Every structure is written in structure tokens, then in C-alpha cells.
PDB file of N, CA and C in Angstrom:
ATOM      1  N   UNK A   1      13.629 -11.126   9.231  1.00  0.00           N
ATOM      2  CA  UNK A   1      14.049  -9.441   9.356  1.00  0.00           C
ATOM      3  C   UNK A   1      12.955  -8.945   8.357  1.00  0.00           C
ATOM      4  N   UNK A   2      12.596  -7.722   8.752  1.00  0.00           N
ATOM      5  CA  UNK A   2      11.313  -7.003   8.344  1.00  0.00           C
ATOM      6  C   UNK A   2      11.684  -6.205   7.027  1.00  0.00           C
ATOM      7  N   UNK A   3      11.067  -5.451   6.583  1.00  0.00           N
ATOM      8  CA  UNK A   3      11.017  -5.018   5.110  1.00  0.00           C
ATOM      9  C   UNK A   3      11.330  -3.072   5.446  1.00  0.00           C
ATOM     10  N   UNK A   4      12.849  -2.685   4.303  1.00  0.00           N
ATOM     11  CA  UNK A   4      12.736  -1.641   5.380  1.00  0.00           C
ATOM     12  C   UNK A   4      11.732  -0.677   4.464  1.00  0.00           C
ATOM     13  N   UNK A   5      10.760  -1.196   4.156  1.00  0.00           N
ATOM     14  CA  UNK A   5       9.873  -0.087   3.303  1.00  0.00           C
ATOM     15  C   UNK A   5       8.056  -1.077   3.726  1.00  0.00           C
ATOM     16  N   UNK A   6       7.582   0.179   3.423  1.00  0.00           N
ATOM     17  CA  UNK A   6       5.894  -0.296   3.205  1.00  0.00           C
ATOM     18  C   UNK A   6       5.266   1.157   2.165  1.00  0.00           C
ATOM     19  N   UNK A   7       4.099   0.232   1.838  1.00  0.00           N
ATOM     20  CA  UNK A   7       3.581   1.003   1.014  1.00  0.00           C
ATOM     21  C   UNK A   7       2.507   2.350   1.656  1.00  0.00           C
ATOM     22  N   UNK A   8       2.592   3.620   1.414  1.00  0.00           N
ATOM     23  CA  UNK A   8       1.457   4.580   1.867  1.00  0.00           C
ATOM     24  C   UNK A   8       0.389   4.759   0.262  1.00  0.00           C
ATOM     25  N   UNK A   9      -0.818   5.076   0.976  1.00  0.00           N
ATOM     26  CA  UNK A   9      -1.750   5.601   0.516  1.00  0.00           C
ATOM     27  C   UNK A   9      -1.850   6.948   0.460  1.00  0.00           C
ATOM     28  N   UNK A  10      -1.622   8.157  -1.239  1.00  0.00           N
ATOM     29  CA  UNK A  10      -1.914   8.824  -0.901  1.00  0.00           C
ATOM     30  C   UNK A  10      -3.549  10.052  -0.605  1.00  0.00           C
ATOM     31  N   UNK A  11      -3.821  10.959  -0.443  1.00  0.00           N
ATOM     32  CA  UNK A  11      -4.997  11.460  -0.524  1.00  0.00           C
ATOM     33  C   UNK A  11      -5.671  11.879  -1.574  1.00  0.00           C
ATOM     34  N   UNK A  12      -5.336  11.294  -2.964  1.00  0.00           N
ATOM     35  CA  UNK A  12      -6.127  10.916  -3.833  1.00  0.00           C
ATOM     36  C   UNK A  12      -6.275   9.746  -4.881  1.00  0.00           C
ATOM     37  N   UNK A  13      -6.383   8.478  -3.476  1.00  0.00           N
ATOM     38  CA  UNK A  13      -7.029   7.314  -3.783  1.00  0.00           C
ATOM     39  C   UNK A  13      -8.427   7.375  -4.835  1.00  0.00           C
ATOM     40  N   UNK A  14      -8.531   6.949  -5.787  1.00  0.00           N
ATOM     41  CA  UNK A  14     -10.072   6.835  -6.637  1.00  0.00           C
ATOM     42  C   UNK A  14     -10.369   5.527  -6.017  1.00  0.00           C
ATOM     43  N   UNK A  15     -10.680   4.381  -4.822  1.00  0.00           N
ATOM     44  CA  UNK A  15     -10.675   3.350  -4.348  1.00  0.00           C
ATOM     45  C   UNK A  15     -11.032   2.297  -5.438  1.00  0.00           C
ATOM     46  N   UNK A  16     -10.677   2.339  -6.455  1.00  0.00           N
ATOM     47  CA  UNK A  16     -10.475   1.415  -7.787  1.00  0.00           C
ATOM     48  C   UNK A  16     -10.180  -0.037  -7.874  1.00  0.00           C
ATOM     49  N   UNK A  17      -9.307  -0.220  -6.409  1.00  0.00           N
ATOM     50  CA  UNK A  17      -9.122  -1.317  -6.062  1.00  0.00           C
ATOM     51  C   UNK A  17      -7.777  -2.484  -6.602  1.00  0.00           C
ATOM     52  N   UNK A  18      -7.416  -1.437  -7.707  1.00  0.00           N
ATOM     53  CA  UNK A  18      -6.092  -2.307  -8.367  1.00  0.00           C
ATOM     54  C   UNK A  18      -4.728  -2.503  -7.788  1.00  0.00           C
ATOM     55  N   UNK A  19      -4.859  -2.080  -6.551  1.00  0.00           N
ATOM     56  CA  UNK A  19      -3.201  -1.944  -5.755  1.00  0.00           C
ATOM     57  C   UNK A  19      -3.873  -3.915  -5.416  1.00  0.00           C
ATOM     58  N   UNK A  20      -5.364  -3.503  -4.834  1.00  0.00           N
ATOM     59  CA  UNK A  20      -5.818  -4.700  -3.589  1.00  0.00           C
ATOM     60  C   UNK A  20      -5.600  -6.471  -4.652  1.00  0.00           C
ATOM     61  N   UNK A  21      -5.839  -5.784  -5.642  1.00  0.00           N
ATOM     62  CA  UNK A  21      -5.673  -6.718  -6.549  1.00  0.00           C
ATOM     63  C   UNK A  21      -4.461  -7.706  -7.231  1.00  0.00           C
ATOM     64  N   UNK A  22      -3.370  -6.853  -6.649  1.00  0.00           N
ATOM     65  CA  UNK A  22      -1.707  -7.072  -6.817  1.00  0.00           C
ATOM     66  C   UNK A  22      -1.182  -7.691  -5.593  1.00  0.00           C
ATOM     67  N   UNK A  23      -1.626  -7.121  -4.534  1.00  0.00           N
ATOM     68  CA  UNK A  23      -1.178  -7.407  -3.273  1.00  0.00           C
ATOM     69  C   UNK A  23      -0.466  -9.041  -3.207  1.00  0.00           C
ATOM     70  N   UNK A  24       0.478  -9.072  -3.224  1.00  0.00           N
ATOM     71  CA  UNK A  24       0.859 -10.566  -3.017  1.00  0.00           C
ATOM     72  C   UNK A  24       0.394 -11.468  -1.233  1.00  0.00           C
ATOM     73  N   UNK A  25       0.332 -10.060  -0.191  1.00  0.00           N
ATOM     74  CA  UNK A  25       0.124 -10.927   1.119  1.00  0.00           C
ATOM     75  C   UNK A  25      -1.548  -9.958   1.719  1.00  0.00           C
ATOM     76  N   UNK A  26      -2.376  -9.183   0.642  1.00  0.00           N
ATOM     77  CA  UNK A  26      -3.516  -8.699   0.992  1.00  0.00           C
ATOM     78  C   UNK A  26      -3.153  -8.106   2.143  1.00  0.00           C
ATOM     79  N   UNK A  27      -2.401  -6.976   2.119  1.00  0.00           N
ATOM     80  CA  UNK A  27      -1.744  -6.212   2.484  1.00  0.00           C
ATOM     81  C   UNK A  27      -2.653  -4.805   2.586  1.00  0.00           C
ATOM     82  N   UNK A  28      -3.561  -4.943   1.152  1.00  0.00           N
ATOM     83  CA  UNK A  28      -4.180  -3.650   1.516  1.00  0.00           C
ATOM     84  C   UNK A  28      -5.790  -4.020   0.979  1.00  0.00           C
ATOM     85  N   UNK A  29      -6.386  -3.052   1.376  1.00  0.00           N
ATOM     86  CA  UNK A  29      -8.066  -2.899   1.364  1.00  0.00           C
ATOM     87  C   UNK A  29      -8.275  -1.563   1.166  1.00  0.00           C
ATOM     88  N   UNK A  30      -9.587  -1.705   0.462  1.00  0.00           N
ATOM     89  CA  UNK A  30     -10.521  -0.677   0.286  1.00  0.00           C
ATOM     90  C   UNK A  30     -11.234  -0.497   1.507  1.00  0.00           C
ATOM     91  N   UNK A  31     -11.171   0.682   1.752  1.00  0.00           N
ATOM     92  CA  UNK A  31     -12.039   1.124   2.984  1.00  0.00           C
ATOM     93  C   UNK A  31     -13.015   1.868   3.091  1.00  0.00           C
ATOM     94  N   UNK A  32     -14.458   1.479   3.146  1.00  0.00           N
ATOM     95  CA  UNK A  32     -15.721   1.906   2.780  1.00  0.00           C
ATOM     96  C   UNK A  32     -15.708   2.829   1.852  1.00  0.00           C
ATOM     97  N   UNK A  33     -15.607   2.164   0.753  1.00  0.00           N
ATOM     98  CA  UNK A  33     -15.184   2.823  -1.074  1.00  0.00           C
ATOM     99  C   UNK A  33     -14.802   3.632  -1.000  1.00  0.00           C
ATOM    100  N   UNK A  34     -14.011   4.358  -0.055  1.00  0.00           N
ATOM    101  CA  UNK A  34     -13.470   5.661  -0.052  1.00  0.00           C
ATOM    102  C   UNK A  34     -12.030   5.761  -0.575  1.00  0.00           C
ATOM    103  N   UNK A  35     -11.290   5.338   0.134  1.00  0.00           N
ATOM    104  CA  UNK A  35     -10.165   4.834  -0.465  1.00  0.00           C
ATOM    105  C   UNK A  35      -9.465   4.008  -0.054  1.00  0.00           C
ATOM    106  N   UNK A  36      -7.835   3.130  -0.156  1.00  0.00           N
ATOM    107  CA  UNK A  36      -7.172   1.822   0.467  1.00  0.00           C
ATOM    108  C   UNK A  36      -6.378   2.016   1.701  1.00  0.00           C
ATOM    109  N   UNK A  37      -6.210   1.482   2.049  1.00  0.00           N
ATOM    110  CA  UNK A  37      -5.725   1.240   3.621  1.00  0.00           C
ATOM    111  C   UNK A  37      -4.917   0.161   3.100  1.00  0.00           C
ATOM    112  N   UNK A  38      -3.213   0.493   3.858  1.00  0.00           N
ATOM    113  CA  UNK A  38      -2.642  -1.010   4.215  1.00  0.00           C
ATOM    114  C   UNK A  38      -2.290  -1.059   5.392  1.00  0.00           C
ATOM    115  N   UNK A  39      -2.087  -2.642   5.318  1.00  0.00           N
ATOM    116  CA  UNK A  39      -1.930  -2.906   7.210  1.00  0.00           C
ATOM    117  C   UNK A  39      -0.305  -2.835   6.773  1.00  0.00           C
ATOM    118  N   UNK A  40       0.776  -2.139   7.683  1.00  0.00           N
ATOM    119  CA  UNK A  40       1.875  -1.550   7.417  1.00  0.00           C
ATOM    120  C   UNK A  40       2.492  -3.039   8.347  1.00  0.00           C
ATOM    121  N   UNK A  41       1.978  -3.685   9.035  1.00  0.00           N
ATOM    122  CA  UNK A  41       2.521  -4.920   9.674  1.00  0.00           C
ATOM    123  C   UNK A  41       2.574  -5.974   8.153  1.00  0.00           C
ATOM    124  N   UNK A  42       1.593  -5.845   7.415  1.00  0.00           N
ATOM    125  CA  UNK A  42       1.648  -7.105   6.411  1.00  0.00           C
ATOM    126  C   UNK A  42       2.474  -6.808   5.150  1.00  0.00           C
ATOM    127  N   UNK A  43       2.353  -5.464   5.234  1.00  0.00           N
ATOM    128  CA  UNK A  43       2.995  -4.845   3.781  1.00  0.00           C
ATOM    129  C   UNK A  43       4.874  -5.580   3.673  1.00  0.00           C
ATOM    130  N   UNK A  44       5.314  -6.212   2.542  1.00  0.00           N
ATOM    131  CA  UNK A  44       6.566  -5.817   2.982  1.00  0.00           C
ATOM    132  C   UNK A  44       7.691  -4.993   2.077  1.00  0.00           C
ATOM    133  N   UNK A  45       6.793  -3.829   1.057  1.00  0.00           N
ATOM    134  CA  UNK A  45       7.108  -3.056   0.401  1.00  0.00           C
ATOM    135  C   UNK A  45       7.507  -3.396  -1.188  1.00  0.00           C
ATOM    136  N   UNK A  46       7.134  -4.108  -1.213  1.00  0.00           N
ATOM    137  CA  UNK A  46       7.277  -4.885  -2.699  1.00  0.00           C
ATOM    138  C   UNK A  46       7.235  -4.215  -4.128  1.00  0.00           C
ATOM    139  N   UNK A  47       6.005  -2.779  -3.420  1.00  0.00           N
ATOM    140  CA  UNK A  47       5.791  -1.844  -4.690  1.00  0.00           C
ATOM    141  C   UNK A  47       4.824  -2.208  -6.182  1.00  0.00           C
ATOM    142  N   UNK A  48       4.542  -3.674  -5.942  1.00  0.00           N
ATOM    143  CA  UNK A  48       3.663  -3.736  -7.305  1.00  0.00           C
ATOM    144  C   UNK A  48       2.766  -2.957  -6.690  1.00  0.00           C
ATOM    145  N   UNK A  49       2.133  -2.710  -5.856  1.00  0.00           N
ATOM    146  CA  UNK A  49       0.763  -1.678  -5.591  1.00  0.00           C
ATOM    147  C   UNK A  49       0.845  -0.181  -6.340  1.00  0.00           C
ATOM    148  N   UNK A  50       2.225   0.227  -6.070  1.00  0.00           N
ATOM    149  CA  UNK A  50       2.508   1.549  -6.677  1.00  0.00           C
ATOM    150  C   UNK A  50       3.000   1.380  -8.314  1.00  0.00           C
ATOM    151  N   UNK A  51       2.672   0.702  -8.416  1.00  0.00           N
ATOM    152  CA  UNK A  51       2.998   0.247  -9.648  1.00  0.00           C
ATOM    153  C   UNK A  51       2.134   0.527 -10.850  1.00  0.00           C
ATOM    154  N   UNK A  52       0.935  -0.132 -10.255  1.00  0.00           N
ATOM    155  CA  UNK A  52      -0.326  -0.879 -10.226  1.00  0.00           C
ATOM    156  C   UNK A  52      -1.653   0.356 -10.603  1.00  0.00           C
ATOM    157  N   UNK A  53      -1.011   1.147  -9.519  1.00  0.00           N
ATOM    158  CA  UNK A  53      -2.169   2.398  -8.937  1.00  0.00           C
ATOM    159  C   UNK A  53      -2.059   3.802 -10.048  1.00  0.00           C
ATOM    160  N   UNK A  54      -3.412   3.482 -10.623  1.00  0.00           N
ATOM    161  CA  UNK A  54      -3.834   4.426 -12.247  1.00  0.00           C
ATOM    162  C   UNK A  54      -3.559   5.861 -12.008  1.00  0.00           C
ATOM    163  N   UNK A  55      -3.753   6.494 -10.425  1.00  0.00           N
ATOM    164  CA  UNK A  55      -4.156   7.451 -10.058  1.00  0.00           C
ATOM    165  C   UNK A  55      -2.335   7.777  -9.831  1.00  0.00           C
ATOM    166  N   UNK A  56      -1.575   6.794  -9.489  1.00  0.00           N
ATOM    167  CA  UNK A  56      -0.216   6.974  -8.988  1.00  0.00           C
ATOM    168  C   UNK A  56      -0.052   7.653  -7.369  1.00  0.00           C
ATOM    169  N   UNK A  57      -1.147   7.232  -7.054  1.00  0.00           N
ATOM    170  CA  UNK A  57      -1.248   7.751  -5.406  1.00  0.00           C
ATOM    171  C   UNK A  57      -0.246   7.124  -4.255  1.00  0.00           C
ATOM    172  N   UNK A  58       0.328   5.423  -4.742  1.00  0.00           N
ATOM    173  CA  UNK A  58       0.659   4.604  -3.684  1.00  0.00           C
ATOM    174  C   UNK A  58       2.381   5.152  -3.849  1.00  0.00           C
ATOM    175  N   UNK A  59       2.788   5.696  -2.772  1.00  0.00           N
ATOM    176  CA  UNK A  59       4.603   5.521  -2.927  1.00  0.00           C
ATOM    177  C   UNK A  59       4.787   4.896  -1.347  1.00  0.00           C
ATOM    178  N   UNK A  60       6.332   4.065  -1.690  1.00  0.00           N
ATOM    179  CA  UNK A  60       6.796   3.765  -0.783  1.00  0.00           C
ATOM    180  C   UNK A  60       7.823   4.526   0.303  1.00  0.00           C
ATOM    181  N   UNK A  61       7.167   4.371   1.635  1.00  0.00           N
ATOM    182  CA  UNK A  61       8.215   4.880   2.309  1.00  0.00           C
ATOM    183  C   UNK A  61       9.059   4.321   3.654  1.00  0.00           C
ATOM    184  N   UNK A  62      10.092   4.597   4.104  1.00  0.00           N
ATOM    185  CA  UNK A  62      11.215   3.993   4.604  1.00  0.00           C
ATOM    186  C   UNK A  62      10.234   3.882   6.112  1.00  0.00           C
ATOM    187  N   UNK A  63      10.320   2.595   6.762  1.00  0.00           N
ATOM    188  CA  UNK A  63      10.274   2.447   8.058  1.00  0.00           C
ATOM    189  C   UNK A  63      10.753   3.013   8.758  1.00  0.00           C
ATOM    190  N   UNK A  64      10.718   3.190   9.841  1.00  0.00           N
ATOM    191  CA  UNK A  64      11.406   4.022  10.876  1.00  0.00           C
ATOM    192  C   UNK A  64      11.819   2.894  12.005  1.00  0.00           C
ATOM    193  N   UNK A  65      13.151   2.583  12.455  1.00  0.00           N
ATOM    194  CA  UNK A  65      13.187   1.502  13.133  1.00  0.00           C
ATOM    195  C   UNK A  65      13.296   1.698  14.497  1.00  0.00           C
ATOM    196  N   UNK A  66      12.394   0.643  15.259  1.00  0.00           N
ATOM    197  CA  UNK A  66      12.335   1.210  16.585  1.00  0.00           C
ATOM    198  C   UNK A  66      13.416  -0.290  17.528  1.00  0.00           C
ATOM    199  N   UNK A  67      13.516   0.339  18.477  1.00  0.00           N
ATOM    200  CA  UNK A  67      14.544  -0.640  19.329  1.00  0.00           C
ATOM    201  C   UNK A  67      13.321  -1.183  20.304  1.00  0.00           C
TER     202      UNK A  67
END
């Protein structure tokens, strides 16, 4: 069963990589040294990245179920 949440990185990401280090599934990468990006297919919505983000820019969003 898929997770009901996923991480989303806000526009104030400072690309520090803290979220990348704590993600248990490697679902987050720093893109072009500018900002983190989340692979929503891999993200399980555990929230570890949000708890570690020093900028407080990562939030958990509800997945929209598709039929």
C-alpha cells in the first residue's frame, strides 16, 4: 500500500543536503546545487527530512489518490 503522504521542498531551500543524508530511501537529491528535489514515487512520507531541514522548508503533503 502506498504512503498517504510525501515530502515537498519549498522555495526557500538552501541546498545544504541535510535532508539527503537522513532520507532512508534516497528519495531526495540536491538539484544543480540550488535546491533539493523529491522523487515522490520513492518518498514514503516518513518526515525525517522535514525534521532535519534547518531552513524549515520541507513539508509533508497528502497524496491525491487516483483511480
